[in-house]
């Protein structure tokens, strides 16, 4: 498995857990506004983690190519 992929997966897991914990606290404390869709509490951690992992992947791929480690 390429190094950039391993680092991207780790970033996804870290970002997912980092956003899931506050989301769970908000759900348990009924902290979401009433006009928000109910699925947002489930989708938000995945979206945040995917964005973080995507940025990480792009950065790592760029670094590997610039350093000649294709």
N, C-alpha and C. Protein backbone atom coordinates (compact mmCIF):
# COMPACT_ATOMS: atom_id res chain seq x y z
N UNK A 1 0.85 -1.17 0.00
CA UNK A 1 0.00 0.00 0.00
C UNK A 1 0.90 1.24 0.00
N UNK A 2 0.63 2.19 -0.88
CA UNK A 2 1.46 3.40 -0.93
C UNK A 2 1.40 4.19 0.39
N UNK A 3 2.52 4.84 0.67
CA UNK A 3 2.62 5.60 1.93
C UNK A 3 1.55 6.68 2.02
N UNK A 4 1.27 7.36 0.90
CA UNK A 4 0.28 8.44 0.93
C UNK A 4 -1.10 7.89 1.28
N UNK A 5 -1.40 6.66 0.85
CA UNK A 5 -2.71 6.07 1.14
C UNK A 5 -2.83 5.71 2.63
N UNK A 6 -1.78 5.19 3.19
CA UNK A 6 -1.77 4.86 4.63
C UNK A 6 -1.99 6.12 5.45
N UNK A 7 -1.27 7.18 5.09
CA UNK A 7 -1.42 8.44 5.83
C UNK A 7 -2.82 9.03 5.65
N UNK A 8 -3.40 8.87 4.47
CA UNK A 8 -4.74 9.37 4.23
C UNK A 8 -5.77 8.62 5.06
N UNK A 9 -5.64 7.32 5.14
CA UNK A 9 -6.56 6.52 5.95
C UNK A 9 -6.45 6.91 7.42
N UNK A 10 -5.22 7.09 7.89
CA UNK A 10 -5.05 7.53 9.28
C UNK A 10 -5.68 8.88 9.52
N UNK A 11 -5.52 9.79 8.56
CA UNK A 11 -6.13 11.12 8.70
C UNK A 11 -7.65 11.02 8.73
N UNK A 12 -8.21 10.16 7.88
CA UNK A 12 -9.67 9.98 7.88
C UNK A 12 -10.15 9.50 9.24
N UNK A 13 -9.49 8.52 9.80
CA UNK A 13 -9.91 7.97 11.10
C UNK A 13 -9.79 9.02 12.19
N UNK A 14 -8.68 9.75 12.20
CA UNK A 14 -8.49 10.79 13.21
C UNK A 14 -9.53 11.89 13.08
N UNK A 15 -9.78 12.33 11.86
CA UNK A 15 -10.76 13.39 11.65
C UNK A 15 -12.17 12.90 11.97
N UNK A 16 -12.46 11.66 11.62
CA UNK A 16 -13.78 11.10 11.90
C UNK A 16 -14.04 11.06 13.40
N UNK A 17 -13.09 10.54 14.15
CA UNK A 17 -13.27 10.48 15.60
C UNK A 17 -13.29 11.87 16.21
N UNK A 18 -12.49 12.78 15.66
CA UNK A 18 -12.46 14.14 16.17
C UNK A 18 -13.75 14.90 15.93
N UNK A 19 -14.50 14.55 14.91
CA UNK A 19 -15.78 15.20 14.68
C UNK A 19 -16.94 14.40 15.23
N UNK A 20 -16.77 13.10 15.36
CA UNK A 20 -17.86 12.26 15.86
C UNK A 20 -18.15 12.54 17.34
N UNK A 21 -17.13 12.72 18.12
CA UNK A 21 -17.32 12.94 19.56
C UNK A 21 -18.13 14.21 19.83
N UNK A 22 -17.80 15.37 19.25
CA UNK A 22 -18.66 16.54 19.47
C UNK A 22 -20.07 16.36 18.90
N UNK A 23 -20.18 15.66 17.78
CA UNK A 23 -21.51 15.41 17.21
C UNK A 23 -22.35 14.57 18.16
N UNK A 24 -21.75 13.56 18.74
CA UNK A 24 -22.49 12.73 19.70
C UNK A 24 -22.93 13.55 20.92
N UNK A 25 -22.06 14.41 21.38
CA UNK A 25 -22.42 15.27 22.51
C UNK A 25 -23.60 16.17 22.14
N UNK A 26 -23.57 16.72 20.94
CA UNK A 26 -24.67 17.58 20.51
C UNK A 26 -25.97 16.80 20.40
N UNK A 27 -25.90 15.60 19.87
CA UNK A 27 -27.10 14.78 19.72
C UNK A 27 -27.65 14.39 21.09
N UNK A 28 -26.77 13.97 21.97
CA UNK A 28 -27.23 13.53 23.29
C UNK A 28 -27.80 14.68 24.12
N UNK A 29 -27.32 15.87 23.87
CA UNK A 29 -27.81 17.04 24.61
C UNK A 29 -28.87 17.82 23.84
N UNK A 30 -29.34 17.24 22.75
CA UNK A 30 -30.34 17.89 21.90
C UNK A 30 -29.86 19.28 21.48
N UNK A 31 -28.60 19.34 21.04
CA UNK A 31 -27.99 20.63 20.73
C UNK A 31 -28.17 21.12 19.31
N UNK A 32 -28.80 20.35 18.44
CA UNK A 32 -28.99 20.79 17.06
C UNK A 32 -30.24 21.66 16.96
N UNK A 33 -30.20 22.68 16.13
CA UNK A 33 -31.41 23.48 15.91
C UNK A 33 -32.53 22.63 15.32
N UNK A 34 -33.75 23.00 15.59
CA UNK A 34 -34.89 22.21 15.15
C UNK A 34 -35.05 22.17 13.64
N UNK A 35 -34.57 23.18 12.94
CA UNK A 35 -34.75 23.21 11.49
C UNK A 35 -33.68 22.43 10.73
N UNK A 36 -32.71 21.82 11.41
CA UNK A 36 -31.70 21.01 10.74
C UNK A 36 -32.27 19.63 10.46
N UNK A 37 -31.93 19.04 9.33
CA UNK A 37 -32.38 17.67 9.07
C UNK A 37 -31.74 16.69 10.06
N UNK A 38 -32.47 15.67 10.41
CA UNK A 38 -32.00 14.70 11.41
C UNK A 38 -30.75 13.96 10.94
N UNK A 39 -30.65 13.70 9.64
CA UNK A 39 -29.50 12.93 9.15
C UNK A 39 -28.20 13.71 9.22
N UNK A 40 -28.24 15.02 9.43
CA UNK A 40 -27.02 15.82 9.49
C UNK A 40 -26.10 15.34 10.61
N UNK A 41 -26.67 14.91 11.71
CA UNK A 41 -25.86 14.42 12.83
C UNK A 41 -25.08 13.18 12.44
N UNK A 42 -25.60 12.40 11.52
CA UNK A 42 -24.92 11.19 11.07
C UNK A 42 -23.94 11.52 9.94
N UNK A 43 -24.32 12.41 9.06
CA UNK A 43 -23.53 12.71 7.87
C UNK A 43 -22.33 13.63 8.16
N UNK A 44 -22.48 14.55 9.08
CA UNK A 44 -21.45 15.56 9.33
C UNK A 44 -20.07 14.98 9.64
N UNK A 45 -19.93 13.97 10.50
CA UNK A 45 -18.59 13.43 10.74
C UNK A 45 -17.96 12.81 9.50
N UNK A 46 -18.77 12.16 8.67
CA UNK A 46 -18.24 11.57 7.44
C UNK A 46 -17.77 12.64 6.48
N UNK A 47 -18.53 13.71 6.35
CA UNK A 47 -18.17 14.80 5.44
C UNK A 47 -16.88 15.46 5.91
N UNK A 48 -16.80 15.77 7.20
CA UNK A 48 -15.60 16.42 7.74
C UNK A 48 -14.37 15.52 7.58
N UNK A 49 -14.53 14.23 7.87
CA UNK A 49 -13.40 13.31 7.76
C UNK A 49 -12.99 13.12 6.31
N UNK A 50 -13.96 13.04 5.41
CA UNK A 50 -13.64 12.87 4.00
C UNK A 50 -12.90 14.09 3.45
N UNK A 51 -13.34 15.27 3.83
CA UNK A 51 -12.64 16.49 3.40
C UNK A 51 -11.21 16.51 3.92
N UNK A 52 -11.04 16.18 5.19
CA UNK A 52 -9.69 16.15 5.77
C UNK A 52 -8.81 15.13 5.08
N UNK A 53 -9.34 13.95 4.83
CA UNK A 53 -8.57 12.90 4.18
C UNK A 53 -8.25 13.28 2.74
N UNK A 54 -9.19 13.91 2.06
CA UNK A 54 -8.93 14.35 0.68
C UNK A 54 -7.83 15.38 0.60
N UNK A 55 -7.86 16.33 1.51
CA UNK A 55 -6.80 17.34 1.57
C UNK A 55 -5.46 16.69 1.89
N UNK A 56 -5.49 15.75 2.83
CA UNK A 56 -4.26 15.02 3.20
C UNK A 56 -3.71 14.25 2.01
N UNK A 57 -4.59 13.56 1.28
CA UNK A 57 -4.15 12.78 0.13
C UNK A 57 -3.53 13.69 -0.94
N UNK A 58 -4.19 14.78 -1.23
CA UNK A 58 -3.67 15.70 -2.24
C UNK A 58 -2.30 16.24 -1.82
N UNK A 59 -2.18 16.60 -0.56
CA UNK A 59 -0.92 17.12 -0.05
C UNK A 59 0.19 16.07 -0.12
N UNK A 60 -0.12 14.85 0.30
CA UNK A 60 0.89 13.79 0.32
C UNK A 60 1.31 13.38 -1.09
N UNK A 61 0.35 13.30 -2.01
CA UNK A 61 0.68 12.96 -3.39
C UNK A 61 1.56 14.04 -4.00
N UNK A 62 1.22 15.29 -3.76
CA UNK A 62 2.02 16.41 -4.27
C UNK A 62 3.43 16.36 -3.70
N UNK A 63 3.54 16.12 -2.40
CA UNK A 63 4.88 16.04 -1.78
C UNK A 63 5.70 14.91 -2.36
N UNK A 64 5.08 13.74 -2.57
CA UNK A 64 5.82 12.62 -3.13
C UNK A 64 6.29 12.91 -4.55
N UNK A 65 5.45 13.54 -5.33
CA UNK A 65 5.83 13.85 -6.73
C UNK A 65 6.90 14.92 -6.79
N UNK A 66 6.80 15.92 -5.91
CA UNK A 66 7.81 16.98 -5.90
C UNK A 66 9.16 16.45 -5.43
N UNK A 67 9.13 15.47 -4.53
CA UNK A 67 10.38 14.90 -4.01
C UNK A 67 10.89 13.75 -4.87
N UNK A 68 10.16 13.41 -5.93
CA UNK A 68 10.61 12.37 -6.83
C UNK A 68 10.43 10.96 -6.31
N UNK A 69 9.50 10.75 -5.40
CA UNK A 69 9.27 9.42 -4.82
C UNK A 69 8.02 8.76 -5.41
N UNK A 70 7.82 8.88 -6.68
CA UNK A 70 6.63 8.31 -7.32
C UNK A 70 6.65 6.88 -7.12
